[in-house]
Amino acid sequence: MSSLEISNSCFSPETKLPLSPQLAEDRALEPARKDVVEVEEKPKDIILLTAEKLSVDEVSQLVISPQCGAVSLFVGTTRNNFEGKKVTSLEYEAYLPMAENEIRKICLDIRQKWPVRHIAVFHRLGLVPVSEASTIIAVSSAHRAASLEAMSYAIESLKAKVPIWKKEIYEEPASSWKRNKECFWAAGD
């Protein structure tokens, strides 16, 4: 079968094809269904610090809204090298009450600066192997500019303000706690 041929075998009798333009226009004139109710969705800030593996799909689903046309994501992963050393994993620790409080402040700042709907900030704690996510930030908004700017602000603020510490674990028997250059309390060192 050539790439231009279409096989009927991929369609089952239950498959419904899209309406033709004329039928779609006719359907637009029908009254709205009574069982569909528009409910005003309250904005959500979802924060999670966990030792469990993070899922990009799960986090992005948390911020999707029918009122939004944009979801912006940042996914920070463990890379396999740093300054010529082979990294096998990262280890994160946090002072949980303070970290959660600082993340809430970041969410509040975002809401004062941009018209966003939902914000999710997830950060992994404990060991994070190479290529796995350590941070996922998702922001939804009506238009892309707000969610993109808010997401960028969120990761920069998280790195600068939130008490989460990172240790790089190398292939050779060594490890190193990393100083976060963006962190405001370490700026004077």
N, C-alpha and C. Protein backbone atom coordinates (compact mmCIF):
# COMPACT_ATOMS: atom_id res chain seq x y z
N MET A 1 0.85 -1.17 0.00
CA MET A 1 0.00 0.00 0.00
C MET A 1 0.90 1.23 0.00
N SER A 2 0.63 2.19 -0.88
CA SER A 2 1.44 3.40 -0.92
C SER A 2 1.06 4.30 0.24
N SER A 3 1.89 5.31 0.50
CA SER A 3 1.62 6.20 1.62
C SER A 3 0.38 7.07 1.37
N LEU A 4 -0.08 7.13 0.13
CA LEU A 4 -1.25 7.94 -0.18
C LEU A 4 -2.55 7.16 -0.09
N GLU A 5 -2.47 5.83 -0.05
CA GLU A 5 -3.67 5.02 0.04
C GLU A 5 -4.17 5.00 1.47
N ILE A 6 -5.46 4.91 1.64
CA ILE A 6 -6.06 4.84 2.96
C ILE A 6 -6.71 3.49 3.12
N SER A 7 -6.42 2.86 4.21
CA SER A 7 -6.99 1.54 4.48
C SER A 7 -8.25 1.69 5.31
N ASN A 8 -9.28 0.97 4.95
CA ASN A 8 -10.50 0.96 5.75
C ASN A 8 -10.36 0.12 7.00
N SER A 9 -9.30 -0.66 7.09
CA SER A 9 -9.14 -1.56 8.23
C SER A 9 -8.92 -0.80 9.54
N CYS A 10 -8.51 0.46 9.47
CA CYS A 10 -8.28 1.20 10.70
C CYS A 10 -9.56 1.78 11.27
N PHE A 11 -10.68 1.66 10.53
CA PHE A 11 -11.95 2.19 11.00
C PHE A 11 -12.85 1.05 11.44
N SER A 12 -13.40 1.17 12.62
CA SER A 12 -14.39 0.20 13.06
C SER A 12 -15.76 0.79 12.77
N PRO A 13 -16.81 -0.02 12.83
CA PRO A 13 -18.16 0.51 12.57
C PRO A 13 -18.53 1.61 13.57
N GLU A 14 -17.90 1.61 14.78
CA GLU A 14 -18.24 2.61 15.79
C GLU A 14 -17.54 3.95 15.55
N THR A 15 -16.54 3.97 14.66
CA THR A 15 -15.79 5.20 14.42
C THR A 15 -16.69 6.27 13.85
N LYS A 16 -16.64 7.44 14.47
CA LYS A 16 -17.44 8.55 13.97
C LYS A 16 -16.50 9.55 13.31
N LEU A 17 -16.81 9.88 12.10
CA LEU A 17 -16.01 10.85 11.37
C LEU A 17 -16.48 12.25 11.71
N PRO A 18 -15.60 13.26 11.54
CA PRO A 18 -16.01 14.63 11.82
C PRO A 18 -17.19 15.04 10.94
N LEU A 19 -17.99 15.95 11.45
CA LEU A 19 -19.13 16.45 10.68
C LEU A 19 -18.64 17.25 9.47
N SER A 20 -19.42 17.23 8.44
CA SER A 20 -19.09 18.06 7.28
C SER A 20 -19.30 19.52 7.66
N PRO A 21 -18.69 20.47 6.94
CA PRO A 21 -18.86 21.88 7.29
C PRO A 21 -20.33 22.28 7.37
N GLN A 22 -21.16 21.80 6.45
CA GLN A 22 -22.57 22.17 6.47
C GLN A 22 -23.25 21.65 7.73
N LEU A 23 -22.99 20.39 8.09
CA LEU A 23 -23.59 19.82 9.29
C LEU A 23 -23.09 20.54 10.54
N ALA A 24 -21.83 20.91 10.55
CA ALA A 24 -21.28 21.62 11.69
C ALA A 24 -21.96 22.97 11.87
N GLU A 25 -22.22 23.67 10.75
CA GLU A 25 -22.91 24.96 10.83
C GLU A 25 -24.33 24.76 11.35
N ASP A 26 -25.03 23.72 10.87
CA ASP A 26 -26.38 23.43 11.33
C ASP A 26 -26.38 23.13 12.83
N ARG A 27 -25.39 22.38 13.28
CA ARG A 27 -25.31 22.01 14.69
C ARG A 27 -25.09 23.25 15.56
N ALA A 28 -24.36 24.25 15.04
CA ALA A 28 -24.10 25.47 15.80
C ALA A 28 -25.39 26.22 16.11
N LEU A 29 -26.43 26.02 15.29
CA LEU A 29 -27.69 26.70 15.51
C LEU A 29 -28.57 25.99 16.52
N GLU A 30 -28.22 24.75 16.89
CA GLU A 30 -29.01 24.00 17.86
C GLU A 30 -28.82 24.62 19.24
N PRO A 31 -29.83 24.55 20.09
CA PRO A 31 -29.68 25.09 21.45
C PRO A 31 -28.63 24.28 22.22
N ALA A 32 -27.97 24.95 23.16
CA ALA A 32 -26.94 24.30 23.97
C ALA A 32 -27.57 23.19 24.80
N ARG A 33 -26.78 22.14 25.07
CA ARG A 33 -27.27 21.04 25.90
C ARG A 33 -27.49 21.53 27.31
N LYS A 34 -28.56 21.08 27.92
CA LYS A 34 -28.91 21.53 29.27
C LYS A 34 -28.03 20.89 30.34
N ASP A 35 -27.43 19.72 30.01
CA ASP A 35 -26.65 19.02 31.03
C ASP A 35 -25.20 19.54 31.11
N VAL A 36 -24.81 20.46 30.24
CA VAL A 36 -23.47 21.06 30.30
C VAL A 36 -23.58 22.35 31.07
N VAL A 37 -22.91 22.40 32.20
CA VAL A 37 -22.98 23.58 33.05
C VAL A 37 -21.59 24.18 33.15
N GLU A 38 -21.51 25.47 32.87
CA GLU A 38 -20.25 26.17 33.03
C GLU A 38 -20.04 26.44 34.52
N VAL A 39 -18.96 25.95 35.07
CA VAL A 39 -18.64 26.15 36.47
C VAL A 39 -17.37 26.99 36.53
N GLU A 40 -17.42 28.06 37.29
CA GLU A 40 -16.23 28.89 37.44
C GLU A 40 -15.20 28.11 38.23
N GLU A 41 -14.07 27.94 37.64
CA GLU A 41 -12.98 27.16 38.22
C GLU A 41 -12.12 28.08 39.09
N LYS A 42 -11.86 27.67 40.32
CA LYS A 42 -11.01 28.46 41.21
C LYS A 42 -9.55 28.22 40.86
N PRO A 43 -8.74 29.27 40.86
CA PRO A 43 -7.30 29.08 40.61
C PRO A 43 -6.69 28.18 41.69
N LYS A 44 -5.75 27.34 41.27
CA LYS A 44 -5.10 26.40 42.19
C LYS A 44 -3.59 26.60 42.17
N ASP A 45 -2.98 26.50 43.35
CA ASP A 45 -1.54 26.41 43.50
C ASP A 45 -1.28 25.02 44.07
N ILE A 46 -0.58 24.19 43.31
CA ILE A 46 -0.34 22.81 43.72
C ILE A 46 1.16 22.67 43.95
N ILE A 47 1.53 22.36 45.18
CA ILE A 47 2.94 22.28 45.57
C ILE A 47 3.20 20.89 46.12
N LEU A 48 4.27 20.26 45.65
CA LEU A 48 4.63 18.95 46.16
C LEU A 48 6.14 18.80 46.21
N LEU A 49 6.64 18.44 47.39
CA LEU A 49 8.04 18.06 47.58
C LEU A 49 7.99 16.59 47.96
N THR A 50 8.62 15.73 47.17
CA THR A 50 8.42 14.29 47.34
C THR A 50 9.67 13.49 46.96
N ALA A 51 9.80 12.31 47.54
CA ALA A 51 10.87 11.39 47.16
C ALA A 51 10.44 10.50 45.99
N GLU A 52 9.17 10.58 45.61
CA GLU A 52 8.64 9.77 44.50
C GLU A 52 9.06 10.34 43.16
N LYS A 53 9.15 9.46 42.16
CA LYS A 53 9.46 9.88 40.79
C LYS A 53 8.37 10.84 40.29
N LEU A 54 8.78 11.91 39.60
CA LEU A 54 7.85 12.90 39.09
C LEU A 54 7.39 12.53 37.68
N SER A 55 6.14 12.87 37.37
CA SER A 55 5.57 12.59 36.06
C SER A 55 5.16 13.91 35.39
N VAL A 56 5.77 14.20 34.26
CA VAL A 56 5.44 15.41 33.50
C VAL A 56 3.97 15.40 33.11
N ASP A 57 3.46 14.27 32.65
CA ASP A 57 2.06 14.18 32.24
C ASP A 57 1.11 14.48 33.40
N GLU A 58 1.39 13.90 34.56
CA GLU A 58 0.51 14.12 35.71
C GLU A 58 0.50 15.58 36.14
N VAL A 59 1.69 16.20 36.16
CA VAL A 59 1.77 17.60 36.59
C VAL A 59 1.08 18.51 35.57
N SER A 60 1.30 18.27 34.30
CA SER A 60 0.66 19.13 33.29
C SER A 60 -0.86 18.99 33.32
N GLN A 61 -1.37 17.78 33.59
CA GLN A 61 -2.82 17.57 33.68
C GLN A 61 -3.44 18.37 34.83
N LEU A 62 -2.68 18.59 35.89
CA LEU A 62 -3.20 19.32 37.05
C LEU A 62 -3.53 20.78 36.75
N VAL A 63 -2.87 21.36 35.74
CA VAL A 63 -3.07 22.78 35.46
C VAL A 63 -3.93 23.05 34.23
N ILE A 64 -4.31 22.01 33.51
CA ILE A 64 -5.14 22.20 32.32
C ILE A 64 -6.51 22.72 32.74
N SER A 65 -7.01 23.68 31.97
CA SER A 65 -8.30 24.29 32.26
C SER A 65 -8.99 24.63 30.95
N PRO A 66 -10.31 24.46 30.89
CA PRO A 66 -11.02 24.84 29.66
C PRO A 66 -10.98 26.35 29.40
N GLN A 67 -10.61 27.12 30.41
CA GLN A 67 -10.53 28.57 30.26
C GLN A 67 -9.16 29.02 29.77
N CYS A 68 -8.24 28.07 29.59
CA CYS A 68 -6.86 28.42 29.24
C CYS A 68 -6.47 27.86 27.88
N GLY A 69 -5.73 28.66 27.16
CA GLY A 69 -5.22 28.24 25.87
C GLY A 69 -3.74 27.93 25.91
N ALA A 70 -3.13 28.02 27.09
CA ALA A 70 -1.69 27.78 27.20
C ALA A 70 -1.35 27.06 28.49
N VAL A 71 -0.44 26.10 28.38
CA VAL A 71 0.19 25.47 29.53
C VAL A 71 1.68 25.49 29.24
N SER A 72 2.43 26.14 30.12
CA SER A 72 3.88 26.19 29.96
C SER A 72 4.52 25.31 31.02
N LEU A 73 5.53 24.55 30.58
CA LEU A 73 6.20 23.59 31.46
C LEU A 73 7.70 23.85 31.51
N PHE A 74 8.25 23.67 32.70
CA PHE A 74 9.70 23.57 32.85
C PHE A 74 9.97 22.24 33.51
N VAL A 75 10.88 21.48 32.93
CA VAL A 75 11.27 20.20 33.51
C VAL A 75 12.79 20.23 33.67
N GLY A 76 13.24 20.20 34.91
CA GLY A 76 14.67 20.14 35.20
C GLY A 76 15.05 18.70 35.46
N THR A 77 16.05 18.21 34.74
CA THR A 77 16.48 16.81 34.87
C THR A 77 17.93 16.72 35.31
N THR A 78 18.31 15.55 35.80
CA THR A 78 19.69 15.30 36.18
C THR A 78 20.51 15.02 34.93
N ARG A 79 21.54 15.82 34.73
CA ARG A 79 22.43 15.58 33.59
C ARG A 79 23.58 14.69 34.05
N ASN A 80 24.27 14.08 33.10
CA ASN A 80 25.28 13.07 33.43
C ASN A 80 26.69 13.64 33.60
N ASN A 81 26.83 14.97 33.61
CA ASN A 81 28.18 15.53 33.74
C ASN A 81 28.13 16.90 34.39
N PHE A 82 29.25 17.26 35.00
CA PHE A 82 29.43 18.62 35.53
C PHE A 82 30.92 18.89 35.61
N GLU A 83 31.35 19.92 34.88
CA GLU A 83 32.76 20.34 34.87
C GLU A 83 33.71 19.17 34.67
N GLY A 84 33.41 18.32 33.68
CA GLY A 84 34.28 17.21 33.33
C GLY A 84 34.14 15.97 34.19
N LYS A 85 33.29 16.01 35.20
CA LYS A 85 33.08 14.85 36.06
C LYS A 85 31.81 14.13 35.62
N LYS A 86 31.83 12.80 35.71
CA LYS A 86 30.64 12.02 35.36
C LYS A 86 29.72 11.96 36.58
N VAL A 87 28.51 12.48 36.41
CA VAL A 87 27.50 12.51 37.47
C VAL A 87 26.61 11.27 37.32
N THR A 88 26.39 10.56 38.43
CA THR A 88 25.50 9.38 38.39
C THR A 88 24.11 9.71 38.93
N SER A 89 24.03 10.70 39.83
CA SER A 89 22.74 11.11 40.37
C SER A 89 22.90 12.42 41.13
N LEU A 90 21.78 12.99 41.48
CA LEU A 90 21.74 14.15 42.36
C LEU A 90 20.98 13.73 43.61
N GLU A 91 21.31 14.38 44.71
CA GLU A 91 20.58 14.14 45.95
C GLU A 91 20.09 15.49 46.46
N TYR A 92 18.79 15.59 46.72
CA TYR A 92 18.20 16.83 47.19
C TYR A 92 17.70 16.68 48.62
N GLU A 93 17.92 17.74 49.40
CA GLU A 93 17.36 17.84 50.74
C GLU A 93 16.68 19.19 50.86
N ALA A 94 15.70 19.27 51.74
CA ALA A 94 14.98 20.54 51.93
C ALA A 94 14.51 20.66 53.36
N TYR A 95 14.39 21.89 53.79
CA TYR A 95 13.70 22.18 55.04
C TYR A 95 12.25 22.40 54.63
N LEU A 96 11.42 21.35 54.77
CA LEU A 96 10.08 21.32 54.18
C LEU A 96 9.17 22.49 54.56
N PRO A 97 8.99 22.82 55.84
CA PRO A 97 8.05 23.93 56.14
C PRO A 97 8.47 25.24 55.47
N MET A 98 9.75 25.54 55.52
CA MET A 98 10.22 26.79 54.92
C MET A 98 10.17 26.72 53.38
N ALA A 99 10.52 25.57 52.82
CA ALA A 99 10.50 25.42 51.36
C ALA A 99 9.08 25.58 50.83
N GLU A 100 8.11 24.93 51.46
CA GLU A 100 6.72 25.05 51.02
C GLU A 100 6.22 26.49 51.16
N ASN A 101 6.58 27.15 52.25
CA ASN A 101 6.18 28.54 52.46
C ASN A 101 6.77 29.46 51.38
N GLU A 102 8.03 29.26 51.04
CA GLU A 102 8.67 30.08 50.01
C GLU A 102 8.05 29.84 48.64
N ILE A 103 7.69 28.61 48.35
CA ILE A 103 7.04 28.31 47.07
C ILE A 103 5.66 28.97 47.02
N ARG A 104 4.94 28.96 48.13
CA ARG A 104 3.64 29.65 48.17
C ARG A 104 3.80 31.15 47.89
N LYS A 105 4.86 31.74 48.44
CA LYS A 105 5.14 33.17 48.18
C LYS A 105 5.43 33.40 46.70
N ILE A 106 6.15 32.49 46.08
CA ILE A 106 6.43 32.61 44.64
C ILE A 106 5.12 32.56 43.85
N CYS A 107 4.24 31.63 44.21
CA CYS A 107 2.93 31.54 43.54
C CYS A 107 2.15 32.84 43.70
N LEU A 108 2.16 33.40 44.89
CA LEU A 108 1.47 34.67 45.15
C LEU A 108 2.08 35.78 44.29
N ASP A 109 3.40 35.84 44.23
CA ASP A 109 4.07 36.85 43.38
C ASP A 109 3.65 36.70 41.92
N ILE A 110 3.61 35.47 41.45
CA ILE A 110 3.22 35.20 40.06
C ILE A 110 1.80 35.72 39.81
N ARG A 111 0.90 35.44 40.73
CA ARG A 111 -0.49 35.87 40.56
C ARG A 111 -0.63 37.38 40.56
N GLN A 112 0.27 38.08 41.25
CA GLN A 112 0.23 39.54 41.26
C GLN A 112 0.81 40.13 39.97
N LYS A 113 1.67 39.38 39.28
CA LYS A 113 2.35 39.88 38.08
C LYS A 113 1.70 39.46 36.77
N TRP A 114 1.06 38.25 36.74
CA TRP A 114 0.52 37.71 35.50
C TRP A 114 -0.87 37.12 35.72
N PRO A 115 -1.72 37.18 34.68
CA PRO A 115 -3.07 36.58 34.78
C PRO A 115 -3.02 35.08 34.48
N VAL A 116 -2.63 34.30 35.47
CA VAL A 116 -2.53 32.86 35.29
C VAL A 116 -3.68 32.17 36.02
N ARG A 117 -4.01 30.93 35.61
CA ARG A 117 -5.10 30.18 36.22
C ARG A 117 -4.56 29.24 37.30
N HIS A 118 -3.73 28.26 36.89
CA HIS A 118 -3.23 27.26 37.84
C HIS A 118 -1.70 27.24 37.79
N ILE A 119 -1.12 26.92 38.95
CA ILE A 119 0.34 26.81 39.07
C ILE A 119 0.64 25.50 39.80
N ALA A 120 1.56 24.72 39.26
CA ALA A 120 2.02 23.50 39.93
C ALA A 120 3.54 23.57 40.03
N VAL A 121 4.06 23.37 41.23
CA VAL A 121 5.50 23.33 41.46
C VAL A 121 5.80 22.03 42.20
N PHE A 122 6.47 21.12 41.51
CA PHE A 122 6.84 19.83 42.09
C PHE A 122 8.36 19.74 42.12
N HIS A 123 8.91 19.29 43.25
CA HIS A 123 10.36 19.11 43.36
C HIS A 123 10.64 17.78 44.02
N ARG A 124 11.53 17.06 43.44
CA ARG A 124 11.92 15.74 43.96
C ARG A 124 12.94 15.93 45.08
N LEU A 125 12.88 15.07 46.07
CA LEU A 125 13.85 15.02 47.16
C LEU A 125 14.49 13.64 47.16
N GLY A 126 15.64 13.53 47.80
CA GLY A 126 16.35 12.25 47.81
C GLY A 126 17.16 12.10 46.53
N LEU A 127 17.47 10.85 46.17
CA LEU A 127 18.29 10.56 44.99
C LEU A 127 17.47 10.67 43.70
N VAL A 128 18.05 11.37 42.73
CA VAL A 128 17.42 11.52 41.41
C VAL A 128 18.43 11.07 40.36
N PRO A 129 18.23 9.90 39.74
CA PRO A 129 19.17 9.39 38.74
C PRO A 129 19.23 10.27 37.49
N VAL A 130 20.26 10.06 36.71
CA VAL A 130 20.45 10.78 35.45
C VAL A 130 19.21 10.61 34.57
N SER A 131 18.82 11.69 33.94
CA SER A 131 17.68 11.80 33.00
C SER A 131 16.31 11.85 33.67
N GLU A 132 16.22 11.68 34.97
CA GLU A 132 14.93 11.80 35.65
C GLU A 132 14.70 13.24 36.07
N ALA A 133 13.43 13.61 36.19
CA ALA A 133 13.05 14.97 36.55
C ALA A 133 13.27 15.22 38.04
N SER A 134 13.89 16.36 38.33
CA SER A 134 14.02 16.79 39.72
C SER A 134 13.04 17.93 40.01
N THR A 135 12.68 18.68 38.99
CA THR A 135 11.76 19.80 39.15
C THR A 135 10.81 19.84 37.96
N ILE A 136 9.52 20.02 38.26
CA ILE A 136 8.53 20.26 37.20
C ILE A 136 7.69 21.44 37.65
N ILE A 137 7.63 22.44 36.78
CA ILE A 137 6.79 23.61 37.03
C ILE A 137 5.83 23.71 35.85
N ALA A 138 4.54 23.84 36.14
CA ALA A 138 3.53 23.98 35.10
C ALA A 138 2.64 25.17 35.45
N VAL A 139 2.36 25.99 34.44
CA VAL A 139 1.52 27.18 34.64
C VAL A 139 0.55 27.27 33.48
N SER A 140 -0.73 27.48 33.79
CA SER A 140 -1.72 27.66 32.73
C SER A 140 -2.25 29.09 32.76
N SER A 141 -2.59 29.57 31.56
CA SER A 141 -3.16 30.92 31.41
C SER A 141 -3.95 30.96 30.11
N ALA A 142 -4.71 32.03 29.95
CA ALA A 142 -5.51 32.16 28.74
C ALA A 142 -4.62 32.27 27.50
N HIS A 143 -3.48 32.95 27.64
CA HIS A 143 -2.59 33.18 26.50
C HIS A 143 -1.16 32.81 26.89
N ARG A 144 -0.34 32.45 25.91
CA ARG A 144 0.98 31.89 26.17
C ARG A 144 1.95 32.83 26.86
N ALA A 145 1.92 34.12 26.56
CA ALA A 145 2.91 35.04 27.13
C ALA A 145 2.90 35.00 28.66
N ALA A 146 1.72 35.04 29.25
CA ALA A 146 1.63 35.04 30.71
C ALA A 146 2.18 33.76 31.31
N SER A 147 1.82 32.61 30.74
CA SER A 147 2.29 31.35 31.32
C SER A 147 3.79 31.16 31.11
N LEU A 148 4.31 31.58 29.96
CA LEU A 148 5.76 31.45 29.71
C LEU A 148 6.56 32.34 30.67
N GLU A 149 6.13 33.58 30.81
CA GLU A 149 6.85 34.49 31.72
C GLU A 149 6.74 34.03 33.16
N ALA A 150 5.57 33.59 33.57
CA ALA A 150 5.36 33.13 34.95
C ALA A 150 6.18 31.88 35.24
N MET A 151 6.23 30.96 34.29
CA MET A 151 7.00 29.73 34.48
C MET A 151 8.50 30.05 34.62
N SER A 152 9.00 30.95 33.79
CA SER A 152 10.41 31.35 33.88
C SER A 152 10.70 32.01 35.23
N TYR A 153 9.82 32.90 35.65
CA TYR A 153 9.97 33.55 36.95
C TYR A 153 9.96 32.51 38.08
N ALA A 154 9.09 31.52 37.96
CA ALA A 154 8.97 30.49 39.00
C ALA A 154 10.27 29.72 39.19
N ILE A 155 10.90 29.27 38.10
CA ILE A 155 12.12 28.48 38.27
C ILE A 155 13.27 29.36 38.78
N GLU A 156 13.38 30.57 38.28
CA GLU A 156 14.44 31.46 38.75
C GLU A 156 14.26 31.79 40.23
N SER A 157 13.03 32.05 40.65
CA SER A 157 12.74 32.35 42.05
C SER A 157 12.95 31.13 42.94
N LEU A 158 12.54 29.96 42.45
CA LEU A 158 12.73 28.72 43.21
C LEU A 158 14.22 28.52 43.52
N LYS A 159 15.06 28.69 42.50
CA LYS A 159 16.50 28.50 42.70
C LYS A 159 17.09 29.56 43.63
N ALA A 160 16.55 30.77 43.60
CA ALA A 160 17.10 31.87 44.39
C ALA A 160 16.60 31.90 45.83
N LYS A 161 15.39 31.41 46.10
CA LYS A 161 14.76 31.65 47.40
C LYS A 161 14.41 30.43 48.22
N VAL A 162 14.26 29.29 47.59
CA VAL A 162 13.73 28.13 48.31
C VAL A 162 14.87 27.27 48.88
N PRO A 163 14.80 26.95 50.19
CA PRO A 163 15.87 26.17 50.82
C PRO A 163 15.82 24.68 50.44
N ILE A 164 16.31 24.42 49.23
CA ILE A 164 16.48 23.05 48.73
C ILE A 164 17.95 22.94 48.35
N TRP A 165 18.61 21.92 48.90
CA TRP A 165 20.05 21.76 48.67
C TRP A 165 20.30 20.55 47.79
N LYS A 166 21.32 20.70 46.94
CA LYS A 166 21.62 19.67 45.94
C LYS A 166 23.05 19.16 46.13
N LYS A 167 23.18 17.83 46.12
CA LYS A 167 24.51 17.20 46.15
C LYS A 167 24.67 16.40 44.87
N GLU A 168 25.79 16.63 44.17
CA GLU A 168 26.10 15.84 42.98
C GLU A 168 26.89 14.61 43.40
N ILE A 169 26.47 13.47 42.89
CA ILE A 169 27.15 12.22 43.18
C ILE A 169 27.84 11.78 41.90
N TYR A 170 29.16 11.62 42.01
CA TYR A 170 29.98 11.33 40.83
C TYR A 170 30.30 9.85 40.71
N GLU A 171 30.74 9.46 39.51
CA GLU A 171 31.11 8.08 39.26
C GLU A 171 32.28 7.67 40.14
N GLU A 172 33.30 8.53 40.25
CA GLU A 172 34.39 8.22 41.17
C GLU A 172 33.88 8.40 42.59
N PRO A 173 34.51 7.79 43.56
CA PRO A 173 33.97 7.84 44.92
C PRO A 173 34.08 9.25 45.52
N ALA A 174 33.24 10.13 45.07
CA ALA A 174 33.21 11.49 45.59
C ALA A 174 31.83 12.08 45.36
N SER A 175 31.53 13.11 46.10
CA SER A 175 30.29 13.85 45.89
C SER A 175 30.55 15.28 46.32
N SER A 176 29.65 16.17 45.94
CA SER A 176 29.86 17.58 46.24
C SER A 176 28.52 18.29 46.41
N TRP A 177 28.32 18.90 47.60
CA TRP A 177 27.15 19.75 47.77
C TRP A 177 27.38 20.98 46.92
N LYS A 178 26.35 21.38 46.16
CA LYS A 178 26.50 22.48 45.21
C LYS A 178 25.96 23.77 45.80
N ARG A 179 26.73 24.83 45.62
CA ARG A 179 26.29 26.16 46.01
C ARG A 179 25.42 26.69 44.88
N ASN A 180 24.26 27.20 45.21
CA ASN A 180 23.36 27.75 44.21
C ASN A 180 23.69 29.22 44.02
N LYS A 181 24.25 29.58 42.88
CA LYS A 181 24.69 30.96 42.61
C LYS A 181 23.53 31.95 42.69
N GLU A 182 22.33 31.50 42.38
CA GLU A 182 21.17 32.39 42.39
C GLU A 182 20.63 32.64 43.80
N CYS A 183 21.03 31.82 44.75
CA CYS A 183 20.47 31.85 46.10
C CYS A 183 20.86 33.15 46.81
N PHE A 184 19.85 33.90 47.30
CA PHE A 184 20.11 35.22 47.88
C PHE A 184 20.97 35.17 49.14
N TRP A 185 20.87 34.11 49.96
CA TRP A 185 21.64 34.08 51.20
C TRP A 185 23.09 33.68 50.98
N ALA A 186 23.43 33.19 49.78
CA ALA A 186 24.81 32.82 49.47
C ALA A 186 25.49 33.86 48.59
N ALA A 187 24.80 34.92 48.23
CA ALA A 187 25.32 35.91 47.29
C ALA A 187 26.55 36.63 47.82
N GLY A 188 26.69 36.78 49.13
CA GLY A 188 27.82 37.50 49.70
C GLY A 188 29.07 36.67 49.86
N ASP A 189 29.00 35.35 49.60
CA ASP A 189 30.17 34.47 49.78
C ASP A 189 31.22 34.71 48.72
